[in-house]
C-alpha atoms as a PDB file:
ATOM      1  CA  MET A   1       0.000   0.000   0.000  1.00  0.00           C
ATOM      2  CA  PRO A   2       1.307   3.502  -0.740  1.00  0.00           C
ATOM      3  CA  GLU A   3       2.457   5.522   2.235  1.00  0.00           C
ATOM      4  CA  HIS A   4       0.761   8.876   2.782  1.00  0.00           C
ATOM      5  CA  SER A   5       1.481  11.710   5.174  1.00  0.00           C
ATOM      6  CA  ALA A   6       0.043  15.122   5.902  1.00  0.00           C
ATOM      7  CA  GLN A   7       3.670  16.239   6.167  1.00  0.00           C
ATOM      8  CA  ARG A   8       4.497  15.292   2.590  1.00  0.00           C
ATOM      9  CA  ARG A   9       6.058  18.259   0.812  1.00  0.00           C
ATOM     10  CA  CYS A  10       6.567  16.579  -2.568  1.00  0.00           C
ATOM     11  CA  ASP A  11       4.507  14.126  -4.608  1.00  0.00           C
ATOM     12  CA  ALA A  12       7.085  13.077  -7.227  1.00  0.00           C
ATOM     13  CA  VAL A  13      10.866  12.744  -7.512  1.00  0.00           C
ATOM     14  CA  VAL A  14      13.096  13.501 -10.483  1.00  0.00           C
ATOM     15  CA  PHE A  15      16.675  12.214 -10.435  1.00  0.00           C
ATOM     16  CA  ASP A  16      19.615  13.596 -12.333  1.00  0.00           C
ATOM     17  CA  ASN A  17      21.658  10.730 -13.755  1.00  0.00           C
ATOM     18  CA  ASP A  18      25.425  11.300 -14.008  1.00  0.00           C
ATOM     19  CA  GLY A  19      27.009  11.645 -10.584  1.00  0.00           C
ATOM     20  CA  LEU A  20      23.666  11.656  -8.780  1.00  0.00           C
ATOM     21  CA  LEU A  21      21.835   8.419  -9.489  1.00  0.00           C
ATOM     22  CA  LEU A  22      24.861   6.649 -10.943  1.00  0.00           C
ATOM     23  CA  ASP A  23      28.549   6.994 -10.149  1.00  0.00           C
ATOM     24  CA  THR A  24      29.458   7.741 -13.747  1.00  0.00           C
ATOM     25  CA  GLU A  25      31.714  10.722 -13.076  1.00  0.00           C
ATOM     26  CA  GLN A  26      34.756   8.443 -12.878  1.00  0.00           C
ATOM     27  CA  SER A  27      33.939   7.131 -16.346  1.00  0.00           C
ATOM     28  CA  TRP A  28      33.475  10.693 -17.599  1.00  0.00           C
ATOM     29  CA  THR A  29      36.743  11.768 -15.997  1.00  0.00           C
ATOM     30  CA  ARG A  30      38.691   8.937 -17.634  1.00  0.00           C
ATOM     31  CA  ALA A  31      37.157   9.854 -20.981  1.00  0.00           C
ATOM     32  CA  GLN A  32      37.901  13.554 -20.500  1.00  0.00           C
ATOM     33  CA  GLU A  33      41.492  12.779 -19.515  1.00  0.00           C
ATOM     34  CA  ALA A  34      41.896  10.657 -22.640  1.00  0.00           C
ATOM     35  CA  LEU A  35      40.419  13.364 -24.878  1.00  0.00           C
ATOM     36  CA  PHE A  36      42.653  16.069 -23.440  1.00  0.00           C
ATOM     37  CA  GLU A  37      45.729  13.843 -23.741  1.00  0.00           C
ATOM     38  CA  ARG A  38      44.950  13.227 -27.417  1.00  0.00           C
ATOM     39  CA  HIS A  39      44.924  16.985 -27.911  1.00  0.00           C
ATOM     40  CA  GLY A  40      48.094  17.695 -25.953  1.00  0.00           C
ATOM     41  CA  LEU A  41      46.663  18.993 -22.674  1.00  0.00           C
ATOM     42  CA  GLN A  42      46.180  17.712 -19.135  1.00  0.00           C
ATOM     43  CA  PHE A  43      42.656  17.485 -17.769  1.00  0.00           C
ATOM     44  CA  THR A  44      42.561  19.120 -14.326  1.00  0.00           C
ATOM     45  CA  ALA A  45      40.247  19.133 -11.330  1.00  0.00           C
ATOM     46  CA  GLN A  46      39.244  22.679 -12.248  1.00  0.00           C
ATOM     47  CA  HIS A  47      38.256  21.553 -15.741  1.00  0.00           C
ATOM     48  CA  LYS A  48      36.118  18.886 -14.067  1.00  0.00           C
ATOM     49  CA  ARG A  49      34.367  21.387 -11.822  1.00  0.00           C
ATOM     50  CA  ASP A  50      33.816  23.832 -14.683  1.00  0.00           C
ATOM     51  CA  MET A  51      32.285  21.219 -16.986  1.00  0.00           C
ATOM     52  CA  LEU A  52      30.244  19.276 -14.415  1.00  0.00           C
ATOM     53  CA  GLY A  53      26.641  18.915 -15.547  1.00  0.00           C
ATOM     54  CA  SER A  54      27.179  20.757 -18.832  1.00  0.00           C
ATOM     55  CA  SER A  55      24.911  20.144 -21.793  1.00  0.00           C
ATOM     56  CA  PRO A  56      26.534  18.833 -24.980  1.00  0.00           C
ATOM     57  CA  GLN A  57      26.269  22.330 -26.480  1.00  0.00           C
ATOM     58  CA  ALA A  58      27.916  24.007 -23.503  1.00  0.00           C
ATOM     59  CA  ALA A  59      30.591  21.305 -23.289  1.00  0.00           C
ATOM     60  CA  ALA A  60      31.370  21.697 -27.002  1.00  0.00           C
ATOM     61  CA  ALA A  61      31.848  25.436 -26.587  1.00  0.00           C
ATOM     62  CA  ALA A  62      34.080  24.885 -23.549  1.00  0.00           C
ATOM     63  CA  LEU A  63      36.197  22.285 -25.342  1.00  0.00           C
ATOM     64  CA  GLU A  64      36.730  24.601 -28.320  1.00  0.00           C
ATOM     65  CA  LEU A  65      38.092  27.228 -25.960  1.00  0.00           C
ATOM     66  CA  ILE A  66      40.146  25.009 -23.666  1.00  0.00           C
ATOM     67  CA  LEU A  67      41.666  22.907 -26.449  1.00  0.00           C
ATOM     68  CA  ASP A  68      42.163  25.933 -28.724  1.00  0.00           C
ATOM     69  CA  ALA A  69      40.110  24.316 -31.465  1.00  0.00           C
ATOM     70  CA  PRO A  70      37.701  26.949 -32.820  1.00  0.00           C
ATOM     71  CA  GLY A  71      34.871  25.506 -34.868  1.00  0.00           C
ATOM     72  CA  GLU A  72      35.624  21.927 -33.788  1.00  0.00           C
ATOM     73  CA  GLY A  73      33.255  21.716 -30.825  1.00  0.00           C
ATOM     74  CA  THR A  74      30.834  19.286 -32.428  1.00  0.00           C
ATOM     75  CA  ALA A  75      33.628  16.954 -33.486  1.00  0.00           C
ATOM     76  CA  LEU A  76      35.221  17.141 -30.041  1.00  0.00           C
ATOM     77  CA  ILE A  77      31.989  16.351 -28.208  1.00  0.00           C
ATOM     78  CA  MET A  78      31.347  13.411 -30.531  1.00  0.00           C
ATOM     79  CA  GLU A  79      34.875  12.154 -29.884  1.00  0.00           C
ATOM     80  CA  LEU A  80      34.306  12.482 -26.144  1.00  0.00           C
ATOM     81  CA  ALA A  81      30.913  10.746 -26.310  1.00  0.00           C
ATOM     82  CA  THR A  82      32.468   7.779 -28.107  1.00  0.00           C
ATOM     83  CA  ILE A  83      35.025   7.356 -25.323  1.00  0.00           C
ATOM     84  CA  VAL A  84      32.394   7.845 -22.607  1.00  0.00           C
ATOM     85  CA  LEU A  85      30.106   5.241 -24.186  1.00  0.00           C
ATOM     86  CA  GLU A  86      32.913   2.683 -24.001  1.00  0.00           C
ATOM     87  CA  GLU A  87      33.737   3.611 -20.406  1.00  0.00           C
ATOM     88  CA  LEU A  88      30.103   3.421 -19.303  1.00  0.00           C
ATOM     89  CA  GLY A  89      29.873  -0.077 -20.713  1.00  0.00           C
ATOM     90  CA  ARG A  90      32.479  -1.122 -18.162  1.00  0.00           C
ATOM     91  CA  ASP A  91      31.458   0.735 -15.033  1.00  0.00           C
ATOM     92  CA  ALA A  92      28.390   2.731 -13.914  1.00  0.00           C
ATOM     93  CA  PRO A  93      27.514   1.692 -10.349  1.00  0.00           C
ATOM     94  CA  PRO A  94      24.561   3.221  -8.500  1.00  0.00           C
ATOM     95  CA  ARG A  95      25.475   5.927  -6.000  1.00  0.00           C
ATOM     96  CA  PRO A  96      25.249   4.979  -2.302  1.00  0.00           C
ATOM     97  CA  GLY A  97      21.629   4.723  -1.229  1.00  0.00           C
ATOM     98  CA  ALA A  98      20.248   4.959  -4.778  1.00  0.00           C
ATOM     99  CA  LEU A  99      18.696   1.517  -5.099  1.00  0.00           C
ATOM    100  CA  GLU A 100      17.308   1.606  -1.577  1.00  0.00           C
ATOM    101  CA  LEU A 101      15.731   5.019  -2.207  1.00  0.00           C
ATOM    102  CA  ILE A 102      14.186   3.890  -5.478  1.00  0.00           C
ATOM    103  CA  ALA A 103      12.700   0.830  -3.770  1.00  0.00           C
ATOM    104  CA  ARG A 104      11.290   2.963  -0.950  1.00  0.00           C
ATOM    105  CA  LEU A 105       9.712   5.403  -3.387  1.00  0.00           C
ATOM    106  CA  HIS A 106       8.182   2.618  -5.458  1.00  0.00           C
ATOM    107  CA  ASP A 107       6.727   1.027  -2.332  1.00  0.00           C
ATOM    108  CA  ALA A 108       5.193   4.400  -1.444  1.00  0.00           C
ATOM    109  CA  GLY A 109       3.683   4.780  -4.904  1.00  0.00           C
ATOM    110  CA  ILE A 110       5.647   7.955  -5.644  1.00  0.00           C
ATOM    111  CA  PRO A 111       6.271   8.501  -9.379  1.00  0.00           C
ATOM    112  CA  LEU A 112       9.887   8.816 -10.487  1.00  0.00           C
ATOM    113  CA  GLY A 113      11.495  10.658 -13.364  1.00  0.00           C
ATOM    114  CA  LEU A 114      15.013  10.914 -14.743  1.00  0.00           C
ATOM    115  CA  ALA A 115      16.296  14.147 -16.304  1.00  0.00           C
ATOM    116  CA  SER A 116      19.824  14.238 -17.712  1.00  0.00           C
ATOM    117  CA  ASN A 117      21.956  16.705 -19.646  1.00  0.00           C
ATOM    118  CA  SER A 118      23.601  13.740 -21.375  1.00  0.00           C
ATOM    119  CA  PRO A 119      22.382  12.307 -24.698  1.00  0.00           C
ATOM    120  CA  ARG A 120      19.924   9.410 -24.466  1.00  0.00           C
ATOM    121  CA  VAL A 121      22.429   6.873 -25.819  1.00  0.00           C
ATOM    122  CA  LEU A 122      24.769   7.518 -22.873  1.00  0.00           C
ATOM    123  CA  VAL A 123      21.971   7.399 -20.310  1.00  0.00           C
ATOM    124  CA  ASP A 124      20.695   4.109 -21.749  1.00  0.00           C
ATOM    125  CA  ARG A 125      24.190   2.584 -21.639  1.00  0.00           C
ATOM    126  CA  ALA A 126      24.756   3.707 -18.040  1.00  0.00           C
ATOM    127  CA  LEU A 127      21.414   2.351 -16.820  1.00  0.00           C
ATOM    128  CA  GLU A 128      22.055  -0.942 -18.586  1.00  0.00           C
ATOM    129  CA  THR A 129      25.494  -1.300 -16.992  1.00  0.00           C
ATOM    130  CA  ALA A 130      24.057  -0.411 -13.579  1.00  0.00           C
ATOM    131  CA  GLY A 131      21.323  -3.007 -13.961  1.00  0.00           C
ATOM    132  CA  ILE A 132      18.497  -0.469 -13.577  1.00  0.00           C
ATOM    133  CA  GLU A 133      15.470  -1.040 -15.810  1.00  0.00           C
ATOM    134  CA  GLN A 134      14.245   1.949 -17.782  1.00  0.00           C
ATOM    135  CA  SER A 135      10.735   1.049 -16.609  1.00  0.00           C
ATOM    136  CA  THR A 136      11.848   2.161 -13.139  1.00  0.00           C
ATOM    137  CA  PHE A 137      11.035   5.695 -14.299  1.00  0.00           C
ATOM    138  CA  ALA A 138       7.713   6.992 -15.525  1.00  0.00           C
ATOM    139  CA  SER A 139       9.637   9.574 -17.554  1.00  0.00           C
ATOM    140  CA  ILE A 140      13.198   9.699 -18.906  1.00  0.00           C
ATOM    141  CA  LEU A 141      14.279  12.978 -20.480  1.00  0.00           C
ATOM    142  CA  THR A 142      17.691  13.783 -21.938  1.00  0.00           C
ATOM    143  CA  ALA A 143      19.462  16.731 -23.531  1.00  0.00           C
ATOM    144  CA  ASP A 144      18.596  15.620 -27.041  1.00  0.00           C
ATOM    145  CA  VAL A 145      14.806  15.808 -26.536  1.00  0.00           C
ATOM    146  CA  VAL A 146      14.574  19.362 -25.208  1.00  0.00           C
ATOM    147  CA  THR A 147      15.202  22.648 -26.984  1.00  0.00           C
ATOM    148  CA  HIS A 148      16.993  24.242 -24.046  1.00  0.00           C
ATOM    149  CA  PRO A 149      18.839  21.815 -21.721  1.00  0.00           C
ATOM    150  CA  LYS A 150      19.985  22.605 -18.184  1.00  0.00           C
ATOM    151  CA  PRO A 151      20.519  25.274 -16.780  1.00  0.00           C
ATOM    152  CA  ALA A 152      17.261  26.220 -18.520  1.00  0.00           C
ATOM    153  CA  PRO A 153      14.189  24.907 -16.650  1.00  0.00           C
ATOM    154  CA  GLU A 154      12.636  23.193 -19.679  1.00  0.00           C
ATOM    155  CA  ILE A 155      13.709  19.641 -18.865  1.00  0.00           C
ATOM    156  CA  TYR A 156      12.300  19.815 -15.339  1.00  0.00           C
ATOM    157  CA  LEU A 157       9.082  21.513 -16.386  1.00  0.00           C
ATOM    158  CA  THR A 158       8.643  18.798 -19.014  1.00  0.00           C
ATOM    159  CA  ALA A 159       9.370  16.106 -16.415  1.00  0.00           C
ATOM    160  CA  CYS A 160       6.737  17.560 -14.083  1.00  0.00           C
ATOM    161  CA  ALA A 161       4.183  17.563 -16.891  1.00  0.00           C
ATOM    162  CA  ALA A 162       5.020  13.946 -17.736  1.00  0.00           C
ATOM    163  CA  LEU A 163       4.643  12.933 -14.087  1.00  0.00           C
ATOM    164  CA  ARG A 164       1.441  14.999 -13.767  1.00  0.00           C
ATOM    165  CA  THR A 165       2.784  16.935 -10.806  1.00  0.00           C
ATOM    166  CA  GLN A 166       3.268  20.610 -10.075  1.00  0.00           C
ATOM    167  CA  PRO A 167       6.888  21.868  -9.900  1.00  0.00           C
ATOM    168  CA  GLY A 168       6.347  23.149  -6.374  1.00  0.00           C
ATOM    169  CA  ARG A 169       5.343  19.617  -5.322  1.00  0.00           C
ATOM    170  CA  THR A 170       8.253  17.914  -7.090  1.00  0.00           C
ATOM    171  CA  LEU A 171      11.548  16.940  -5.474  1.00  0.00           C
ATOM    172  CA  VAL A 172      14.607  17.170  -7.718  1.00  0.00           C
ATOM    173  CA  LEU A 173      17.870  15.471  -6.760  1.00  0.00           C
ATOM    174  CA  GLU A 174      20.972  17.014  -8.342  1.00  0.00           C
ATOM    175  CA  ASP A 175      24.764  17.120  -8.012  1.00  0.00           C
ATOM    176  CA  SER A 176      25.777  20.100 -10.184  1.00  0.00           C
ATOM    177  CA  PRO A 177      25.235  23.870 -10.173  1.00  0.00           C
ATOM    178  CA  THR A 178      23.872  23.591 -13.717  1.00  0.00           C
ATOM    179  CA  GLY A 179      21.224  21.086 -12.701  1.00  0.00           C
ATOM    180  CA  ILE A 180      20.355  22.976  -9.534  1.00  0.00           C
ATOM    181  CA  ALA A 181      19.861  26.171 -11.536  1.00  0.00           C
ATOM    182  CA  ALA A 182      17.482  24.354 -13.890  1.00  0.00           C
ATOM    183  CA  ALA A 183      15.447  22.792 -11.082  1.00  0.00           C
ATOM    184  CA  VAL A 184      15.210  26.001  -9.071  1.00  0.00           C
ATOM    185  CA  ALA A 185      14.197  27.980 -12.167  1.00  0.00           C
ATOM    186  CA  ALA A 186      11.455  25.408 -12.764  1.00  0.00           C
ATOM    187  CA  GLY A 187      10.171  25.987  -9.234  1.00  0.00           C
ATOM    188  CA  CYS A 188      11.054  22.529  -7.909  1.00  0.00           C
ATOM    189  CA  TYR A 189      12.201  21.723  -4.379  1.00  0.00           C
ATOM    190  CA  THR A 190      15.859  20.798  -4.862  1.00  0.00           C
ATOM    191  CA  ILE A 191      18.202  18.697  -2.761  1.00  0.00           C
ATOM    192  CA  ALA A 192      21.853  18.417  -3.772  1.00  0.00           C
ATOM    193  CA  VAL A 193      24.123  15.417  -3.221  1.00  0.00           C
ATOM    194  CA  PRO A 194      27.795  16.236  -3.954  1.00  0.00           C
ATOM    195  CA  SER A 195      29.686  14.033  -6.414  1.00  0.00           C
ATOM    196  CA  VAL A 196      32.792  16.147  -7.099  1.00  0.00           C
ATOM    197  CA  PRO A 197      34.678  17.928  -4.303  1.00  0.00           C
ATOM    198  CA  GLY A 198      34.816  21.711  -4.350  1.00  0.00           C
ATOM    199  CA  VAL A 199      31.632  22.301  -6.363  1.00  0.00           C
ATOM    200  CA  ASP A 200      29.301  25.043  -5.114  1.00  0.00           C
ATOM    201  CA  LEU A 201      25.869  23.526  -4.545  1.00  0.00           C
ATOM    202  CA  SER A 202      24.520  26.339  -2.390  1.00  0.00           C
ATOM    203  CA  GLY A 203      21.736  27.077  -4.861  1.00  0.00           C
ATOM    204  CA  ALA A 204      19.847  24.005  -3.649  1.00  0.00           C
ATOM    205  CA  SER A 205      17.392  24.127  -0.764  1.00  0.00           C
ATOM    206  CA  ARG A 206      19.469  21.491   1.025  1.00  0.00           C
ATOM    207  CA  VAL A 207      22.794  19.750   0.551  1.00  0.00           C
ATOM    208  CA  VAL A 208      22.989  16.218   1.970  1.00  0.00           C
ATOM    209  CA  PRO A 209      25.863  13.705   1.983  1.00  0.00           C
ATOM    210  CA  SER A 210      24.161  10.858   0.105  1.00  0.00           C
ATOM    211  CA  LEU A 211      20.915   9.522  -1.287  1.00  0.00           C
ATOM    212  CA  ALA A 212      20.471   7.714   2.031  1.00  0.00           C
ATOM    213  CA  ALA A 213      20.067  11.028   3.873  1.00  0.00           C
ATOM    214  CA  PRO A 214      16.824  11.192   5.907  1.00  0.00           C
ATOM    215  CA  GLU A 215      16.089  14.704   4.601  1.00  0.00           C
ATOM    216  CA  ILE A 216      15.130  13.144   1.256  1.00  0.00           C
ATOM    217  CA  THR A 217      12.501  10.748   2.554  1.00  0.00           C
ATOM    218  CA  ARG A 218      11.342  13.330   5.083  1.00  0.00           C
ATOM    219  CA  ALA A 219      10.481  15.712   2.234  1.00  0.00           C
ATOM    220  CA  LEU A 220       8.213  12.972   0.934  1.00  0.00           C
ATOM    221  CA  GLY A 221       6.562  12.255   4.257  1.00  0.00           C
ATOM    222  CA  LEU A 222       8.102   8.812   4.500  1.00  0.00           C
END
């Protein structure tokens, strides 16, 4: 039976994917290191922080600048995606507390969505490697199905519509400033879970150490 509570603040949950639901940032980092090495540069922790959560368009523009390759952004992002796809096929474990949280939300009858700034092909590969069925989510949205990806609010507004919930009654879980900006702009209640040290997540309503944090289930009256 679904759990209900008069204290429930949110009626639906939307997960970010990379670094939040799944520990894919290591795969992304290895791919980014390989790309930079191919182009004669070292990928640094600051590069990682600057690019965390970026849409393909934003990442392409950043790569053109960093790698001094004007006009080659599309080719660079395709090269990176090819490496990432291979890496994700090897390793994409769920973040601590992720599977337990999903099970708890399903038991409570709370609808779940997934909203990622990655292309669908990378999200599908990561979920497959992690052993998470796509049917876990009532809605899966990615950067290639929206006109304006994060930090624009479109992907979260679309997710709310798909889940038939109001943004103000929707909990978004994020790990990047870009994703937080999108969720907040959409009017969603946002909890951040850090995945990369040194990233400013202060735009979220709360920052918690993991998906097992009680603040998450408390927001849902569980």
